[in-house]
Amino acid sequence: MNQEDNDSLRGEYDFSDGVRSKHYDAYRAGTNVVLLEPDVAKVFKDSAAVNKALRAIAQVARDQQNTG
């Protein structure tokens, strides 16, 4: 394999509609990527659902700390 082979993309890769730095600001602000297990991902279809559930759990935890 020569250097030219290493520098070329396969024909099925099409980045013509790609947007450079699309997520740059979000990553710069700080993100935390978490991989869900398949059974959990079936329940929580998107990050909004996961965030809603975690906020509810966090509120319960705060309430427990304040009463204990």
PDB file of N, CA and C in Angstrom:
ATOM      1  N   MET A   1       0.853  -1.182   0.000  1.00  0.00           N
ATOM      2  CA  MET A   1       0.000   0.000   0.000  1.00  0.00           C
ATOM      3  C   MET A   1       0.891   1.236   0.000  1.00  0.00           C
ATOM      4  N   ASN A   2       0.640   2.153  -0.899  1.00  0.00           N
ATOM      5  CA  ASN A   2       1.464   3.352  -0.964  1.00  0.00           C
ATOM      6  C   ASN A   2       0.780   4.514  -0.249  1.00  0.00           C
ATOM      7  N   GLN A   3       1.465   5.626  -0.131  1.00  0.00           N
ATOM      8  CA  GLN A   3       0.949   6.795   0.595  1.00  0.00           C
ATOM      9  C   GLN A   3      -0.331   7.326  -0.026  1.00  0.00           C
ATOM     10  N   GLU A   4      -0.432   7.271  -1.336  1.00  0.00           N
ATOM     11  CA  GLU A   4      -1.636   7.763  -2.010  1.00  0.00           C
ATOM     12  C   GLU A   4      -2.862   6.959  -1.579  1.00  0.00           C
ATOM     13  N   ASP A   5      -2.712   5.648  -1.406  1.00  0.00           N
ATOM     14  CA  ASP A   5      -3.820   4.811  -0.955  1.00  0.00           C
ATOM     15  C   ASP A   5      -4.280   5.206   0.444  1.00  0.00           C
ATOM     16  N   ASN A   6      -3.357   5.609   1.290  1.00  0.00           N
ATOM     17  CA  ASN A   6      -3.693   5.997   2.654  1.00  0.00           C
ATOM     18  C   ASN A   6      -4.435   7.326   2.716  1.00  0.00           C
ATOM     19  N   ASP A   7      -4.247   8.186   1.739  1.00  0.00           N
ATOM     20  CA  ASP A   7      -4.812   9.529   1.766  1.00  0.00           C
ATOM     21  C   ASP A   7      -6.161   9.639   1.052  1.00  0.00           C
ATOM     22  N   SER A   8      -6.632   8.580   0.447  1.00  0.00           N
ATOM     23  CA  SER A   8      -7.890   8.682  -0.303  1.00  0.00           C
ATOM     24  C   SER A   8      -9.032   8.036   0.471  1.00  0.00           C
ATOM     25  N   LEU A   9     -10.216   8.583   0.255  1.00  0.00           N
ATOM     26  CA  LEU A   9     -11.417   8.042   0.880  1.00  0.00           C
ATOM     27  C   LEU A   9     -12.105   7.077  -0.062  1.00  0.00           C
ATOM     28  N   ARG A  10     -12.868   6.203   0.498  1.00  0.00           N
ATOM     29  CA  ARG A  10     -13.653   5.303  -0.329  1.00  0.00           C
ATOM     30  C   ARG A  10     -14.713   6.098  -1.087  1.00  0.00           C
ATOM     31  N   GLY A  11     -15.138   5.589  -2.208  1.00  0.00           N
ATOM     32  CA  GLY A  11     -16.118   6.260  -3.037  1.00  0.00           C
ATOM     33  C   GLY A  11     -17.460   6.464  -2.356  1.00  0.00           C
ATOM     34  N   GLU A  12     -17.821   5.563  -1.428  1.00  0.00           N
ATOM     35  CA  GLU A  12     -19.133   5.686  -0.782  1.00  0.00           C
ATOM     36  C   GLU A  12     -19.164   6.748   0.320  1.00  0.00           C
ATOM     37  N   TYR A  13     -18.022   7.297   0.678  1.00  0.00           N
ATOM     38  CA  TYR A  13     -17.986   8.372   1.670  1.00  0.00           C
ATOM     39  C   TYR A  13     -18.263   9.699   0.971  1.00  0.00           C
ATOM     40  N   ASP A  14     -19.322  10.354   1.353  1.00  0.00           N
ATOM     41  CA  ASP A  14     -19.705  11.607   0.719  1.00  0.00           C
ATOM     42  C   ASP A  14     -19.859  12.680   1.793  1.00  0.00           C
ATOM     43  N   PHE A  15     -18.915  13.577   1.866  1.00  0.00           N
ATOM     44  CA  PHE A  15     -18.949  14.663   2.842  1.00  0.00           C
ATOM     45  C   PHE A  15     -19.312  15.993   2.185  1.00  0.00           C
ATOM     46  N   SER A  16     -19.914  15.941   1.013  1.00  0.00           N
ATOM     47  CA  SER A  16     -20.210  17.171   0.280  1.00  0.00           C
ATOM     48  C   SER A  16     -21.210  18.062   1.021  1.00  0.00           C
ATOM     49  N   ASP A  17     -22.069  17.481   1.854  1.00  0.00           N
ATOM     50  CA  ASP A  17     -23.023  18.278   2.632  1.00  0.00           C
ATOM     51  C   ASP A  17     -22.551  18.491   4.067  1.00  0.00           C
ATOM     52  N   GLY A  18     -21.323  18.118   4.350  1.00  0.00           N
ATOM     53  CA  GLY A  18     -20.783  18.262   5.693  1.00  0.00           C
ATOM     54  C   GLY A  18     -20.618  19.724   6.093  1.00  0.00           C
ATOM     55  N   VAL A  19     -20.695  19.959   7.383  1.00  0.00           N
ATOM     56  CA  VAL A  19     -20.547  21.310   7.921  1.00  0.00           C
ATOM     57  C   VAL A  19     -19.337  21.308   8.853  1.00  0.00           C
ATOM     58  N   ARG A  20     -18.347  22.084   8.509  1.00  0.00           N
ATOM     59  CA  ARG A  20     -17.136  22.155   9.321  1.00  0.00           C
ATOM     60  C   ARG A  20     -17.456  22.816  10.658  1.00  0.00           C
ATOM     61  N   SER A  21     -16.957  22.217  11.725  1.00  0.00           N
ATOM     62  CA  SER A  21     -17.071  22.746  13.088  1.00  0.00           C
ATOM     63  C   SER A  21     -18.517  22.899  13.559  1.00  0.00           C
ATOM     64  N   LYS A  22     -19.394  22.049  13.077  1.00  0.00           N
ATOM     65  CA  LYS A  22     -20.806  22.121  13.421  1.00  0.00           C
ATOM     66  C   LYS A  22     -21.032  22.057  14.937  1.00  0.00           C
ATOM     67  N   HIS A  23     -20.273  21.238  15.626  1.00  0.00           N
ATOM     68  CA  HIS A  23     -20.459  21.045  17.064  1.00  0.00           C
ATOM     69  C   HIS A  23     -19.341  21.680  17.894  1.00  0.00           C
ATOM     70  N   TYR A  24     -18.538  22.491  17.265  1.00  0.00           N
ATOM     71  CA  TYR A  24     -17.375  23.072  17.939  1.00  0.00           C
ATOM     72  C   TYR A  24     -17.755  23.849  19.192  1.00  0.00           C
ATOM     73  N   ASP A  25     -18.747  24.732  19.092  1.00  0.00           N
ATOM     74  CA  ASP A  25     -19.120  25.558  20.245  1.00  0.00           C
ATOM     75  C   ASP A  25     -19.604  24.713  21.410  1.00  0.00           C
ATOM     76  N   ALA A  26     -20.384  23.687  21.137  1.00  0.00           N
ATOM     77  CA  ALA A  26     -20.884  22.813  22.205  1.00  0.00           C
ATOM     78  C   ALA A  26     -19.731  22.099  22.898  1.00  0.00           C
ATOM     79  N   TYR A  27     -18.788  21.586  22.143  1.00  0.00           N
ATOM     80  CA  TYR A  27     -17.655  20.892  22.754  1.00  0.00           C
ATOM     81  C   TYR A  27     -16.747  21.867  23.493  1.00  0.00           C
ATOM     82  N   ARG A  28     -16.616  23.051  22.968  1.00  0.00           N
ATOM     83  CA  ARG A  28     -15.789  24.053  23.631  1.00  0.00           C
ATOM     84  C   ARG A  28     -16.411  24.455  24.967  1.00  0.00           C
ATOM     85  N   ALA A  29     -17.750  24.531  25.003  1.00  0.00           N
ATOM     86  CA  ALA A  29     -18.458  24.879  26.237  1.00  0.00           C
ATOM     87  C   ALA A  29     -18.363  23.751  27.255  1.00  0.00           C
ATOM     88  N   GLY A  30     -18.122  22.552  26.792  1.00  0.00           N
ATOM     89  CA  GLY A  30     -17.996  21.409  27.684  1.00  0.00           C
ATOM     90  C   GLY A  30     -19.146  20.448  27.503  1.00  0.00           C
ATOM     91  N   THR A  31     -18.835  19.257  27.131  1.00  0.00           N
ATOM     92  CA  THR A  31     -19.845  18.227  26.968  1.00  0.00           C
ATOM     93  C   THR A  31     -19.361  16.972  27.662  1.00  0.00           C
ATOM     94  N   ASN A  32     -20.286  16.093  27.905  1.00  0.00           N
ATOM     95  CA  ASN A  32     -19.947  14.816  28.506  1.00  0.00           C
ATOM     96  C   ASN A  32     -20.693  13.742  27.730  1.00  0.00           C
ATOM     97  N   VAL A  33     -19.988  13.023  26.912  1.00  0.00           N
ATOM     98  CA  VAL A  33     -20.602  11.987  26.107  1.00  0.00           C
ATOM     99  C   VAL A  33     -20.689  10.717  26.942  1.00  0.00           C
ATOM    100  N   VAL A  34     -21.874  10.137  26.984  1.00  0.00           N
ATOM    101  CA  VAL A  34     -22.110   8.922  27.747  1.00  0.00           C
ATOM    102  C   VAL A  34     -22.740   7.900  26.820  1.00  0.00           C
ATOM    103  N   LEU A  35     -22.247   6.677  26.858  1.00  0.00           N
ATOM    104  CA  LEU A  35     -22.817   5.609  26.045  1.00  0.00           C
ATOM    105  C   LEU A  35     -23.802   4.825  26.896  1.00  0.00           C
ATOM    106  N   LEU A  36     -25.006   4.682  26.386  1.00  0.00           N
ATOM    107  CA  LEU A  36     -26.034   3.949  27.103  1.00  0.00           C
ATOM    108  C   LEU A  36     -26.018   2.482  26.686  1.00  0.00           C
ATOM    109  N   GLU A  37     -26.306   1.623  27.635  1.00  0.00           N
ATOM    110  CA  GLU A  37     -26.468   0.208  27.323  1.00  0.00           C
ATOM    111  C   GLU A  37     -27.735   0.071  26.468  1.00  0.00           C
ATOM    112  N   PRO A  38     -27.797  -0.940  25.617  1.00  0.00           N
ATOM    113  CA  PRO A  38     -28.934  -1.084  24.707  1.00  0.00           C
ATOM    114  C   PRO A  38     -30.294  -1.096  25.395  1.00  0.00           C
ATOM    115  N   ASP A  39     -30.412  -1.754  26.552  1.00  0.00           N
ATOM    116  CA  ASP A  39     -31.712  -1.809  27.223  1.00  0.00           C
ATOM    117  C   ASP A  39     -32.143  -0.441  27.735  1.00  0.00           C
ATOM    118  N   VAL A  40     -31.187   0.367  28.157  1.00  0.00           N
ATOM    119  CA  VAL A  40     -31.486   1.721  28.625  1.00  0.00           C
ATOM    120  C   VAL A  40     -31.833   2.609  27.428  1.00  0.00           C
ATOM    121  N   ALA A  41     -31.107   2.450  26.339  1.00  0.00           N
ATOM    122  CA  ALA A  41     -31.348   3.255  25.142  1.00  0.00           C
ATOM    123  C   ALA A  41     -32.736   3.009  24.565  1.00  0.00           C
ATOM    124  N   LYS A  42     -33.304   1.833  24.790  1.00  0.00           N
ATOM    125  CA  LYS A  42     -34.665   1.564  24.328  1.00  0.00           C
ATOM    126  C   LYS A  42     -35.682   2.419  25.071  1.00  0.00           C
ATOM    127  N   VAL A  43     -35.396   2.754  26.312  1.00  0.00           N
ATOM    128  CA  VAL A  43     -36.309   3.549  27.132  1.00  0.00           C
ATOM    129  C   VAL A  43     -36.114   5.039  26.870  1.00  0.00           C
ATOM    130  N   PHE A  44     -34.853   5.460  26.761  1.00  0.00           N
ATOM    131  CA  PHE A  44     -34.515   6.868  26.579  1.00  0.00           C
ATOM    132  C   PHE A  44     -34.022   7.071  25.161  1.00  0.00           C
ATOM    133  N   LYS A  45     -34.891   7.576  24.300  1.00  0.00           N
ATOM    134  CA  LYS A  45     -34.606   7.650  22.867  1.00  0.00           C
ATOM    135  C   LYS A  45     -33.651   8.775  22.482  1.00  0.00           C
ATOM    136  N   ASP A  46     -33.548   9.813  23.338  1.00  0.00           N
ATOM    137  CA  ASP A  46     -32.674  10.925  22.981  1.00  0.00           C
ATOM    138  C   ASP A  46     -32.122  11.578  24.246  1.00  0.00           C
ATOM    139  N   SER A  47     -31.212  12.519  24.063  1.00  0.00           N
ATOM    140  CA  SER A  47     -30.553  13.147  25.213  1.00  0.00           C
ATOM    141  C   SER A  47     -31.530  13.960  26.052  1.00  0.00           C
ATOM    142  N   ALA A  48     -32.570  14.511  25.442  1.00  0.00           N
ATOM    143  CA  ALA A  48     -33.563  15.264  26.210  1.00  0.00           C
ATOM    144  C   ALA A  48     -34.258  14.353  27.219  1.00  0.00           C
ATOM    145  N   ALA A  49     -34.599  13.135  26.818  1.00  0.00           N
ATOM    146  CA  ALA A  49     -35.249  12.184  27.717  1.00  0.00           C
ATOM    147  C   ALA A  49     -34.314  11.763  28.845  1.00  0.00           C
ATOM    148  N   VAL A  50     -33.062  11.537  28.520  1.00  0.00           N
ATOM    149  CA  VAL A  50     -32.075  11.167  29.537  1.00  0.00           C
ATOM    150  C   VAL A  50     -31.892  12.318  30.520  1.00  0.00           C
ATOM    151  N   ASN A  51     -31.747  13.528  30.014  1.00  0.00           N
ATOM    152  CA  ASN A  51     -31.561  14.690  30.887  1.00  0.00           C
ATOM    153  C   ASN A  51     -32.759  14.904  31.800  1.00  0.00           C
ATOM    154  N   LYS A  52     -33.956  14.736  31.275  1.00  0.00           N
ATOM    155  CA  LYS A  52     -35.173  14.906  32.084  1.00  0.00           C
ATOM    156  C   LYS A  52     -35.184  13.899  33.236  1.00  0.00           C
ATOM    157  N   ALA A  53     -34.883  12.637  32.931  1.00  0.00           N
ATOM    158  CA  ALA A  53     -34.863  11.600  33.963  1.00  0.00           C
ATOM    159  C   ALA A  53     -33.782  11.868  35.002  1.00  0.00           C
ATOM    160  N   LEU A  54     -32.607  12.245  34.557  1.00  0.00           N
ATOM    161  CA  LEU A  54     -31.517  12.500  35.503  1.00  0.00           C
ATOM    162  C   LEU A  54     -31.792  13.719  36.370  1.00  0.00           C
ATOM    163  N   ARG A  55     -32.427  14.734  35.817  1.00  0.00           N
ATOM    164  CA  ARG A  55     -32.788  15.901  36.626  1.00  0.00           C
ATOM    165  C   ARG A  55     -33.800  15.526  37.702  1.00  0.00           C
ATOM    166  N   ALA A  56     -34.742  14.656  37.366  1.00  0.00           N
ATOM    167  CA  ALA A  56     -35.723  14.201  38.355  1.00  0.00           C
ATOM    168  C   ALA A  56     -35.034  13.417  39.467  1.00  0.00           C
ATOM    169  N   ILE A  57     -34.114  12.548  39.102  1.00  0.00           N
ATOM    170  CA  ILE A  57     -33.375  11.773  40.106  1.00  0.00           C
ATOM    171  C   ILE A  57     -32.522  12.703  40.960  1.00  0.00           C
ATOM    172  N   ALA A  58     -31.892  13.681  40.339  1.00  0.00           N
ATOM    173  CA  ALA A  58     -31.061  14.634  41.076  1.00  0.00           C
ATOM    174  C   ALA A  58     -31.904  15.426  42.067  1.00  0.00           C
ATOM    175  N   GLN A  59     -33.115  15.795  41.683  1.00  0.00           N
ATOM    176  CA  GLN A  59     -34.000  16.533  42.584  1.00  0.00           C
ATOM    177  C   GLN A  59     -34.385  15.667  43.782  1.00  0.00           C
ATOM    178  N   VAL A  60     -34.678  14.413  43.549  1.00  0.00           N
ATOM    179  CA  VAL A  60     -34.997  13.490  44.650  1.00  0.00           C
ATOM    180  C   VAL A  60     -33.802  13.373  45.593  1.00  0.00           C
ATOM    181  N   ALA A  61     -32.620  13.264  45.039  1.00  0.00           N
ATOM    182  CA  ALA A  61     -31.411  13.164  45.868  1.00  0.00           C
ATOM    183  C   ALA A  61     -31.224  14.431  46.694  1.00  0.00           C
ATOM    184  N   ARG A  62     -31.433  15.605  46.093  1.00  0.00           N
ATOM    185  CA  ARG A  62     -31.307  16.869  46.847  1.00  0.00           C
ATOM    186  C   ARG A  62     -32.358  16.946  47.945  1.00  0.00           C
ATOM    187  N   ASP A  63     -33.576  16.537  47.630  1.00  0.00           N
ATOM    188  CA  ASP A  63     -34.645  16.554  48.627  1.00  0.00           C
ATOM    189  C   ASP A  63     -34.308  15.639  49.800  1.00  0.00           C
ATOM    190  N   GLN A  64     -33.746  14.472  49.519  1.00  0.00           N
ATOM    191  CA  GLN A  64     -33.362  13.536  50.568  1.00  0.00           C
ATOM    192  C   GLN A  64     -32.254  14.108  51.451  1.00  0.00           C
ATOM    193  N   GLN A  65     -31.320  14.815  50.839  1.00  0.00           N
ATOM    194  CA  GLN A  65     -30.233  15.433  51.620  1.00  0.00           C
ATOM    195  C   GLN A  65     -30.767  16.511  52.526  1.00  0.00           C
ATOM    196  N   ASN A  66     -31.754  17.243  52.065  1.00  0.00           N
ATOM    197  CA  ASN A  66     -32.309  18.360  52.850  1.00  0.00           C
ATOM    198  C   ASN A  66     -33.188  17.887  54.003  1.00  0.00           C
ATOM    199  N   THR A  67     -33.735  16.680  53.908  1.00  0.00           N
ATOM    200  CA  THR A  67     -34.611  16.181  54.967  1.00  0.00           C
ATOM    201  C   THR A  67     -33.885  15.274  55.935  1.00  0.00           C
ATOM    202  N   GLY A  68     -32.677  14.862  55.582  1.00  0.00           N
ATOM    203  CA  GLY A  68     -31.967  13.888  56.396  1.00  0.00           C
ATOM    204  C   GLY A  68     -30.960  14.461  57.235  1.00  0.00           C
TER     205      GLY A  68
END
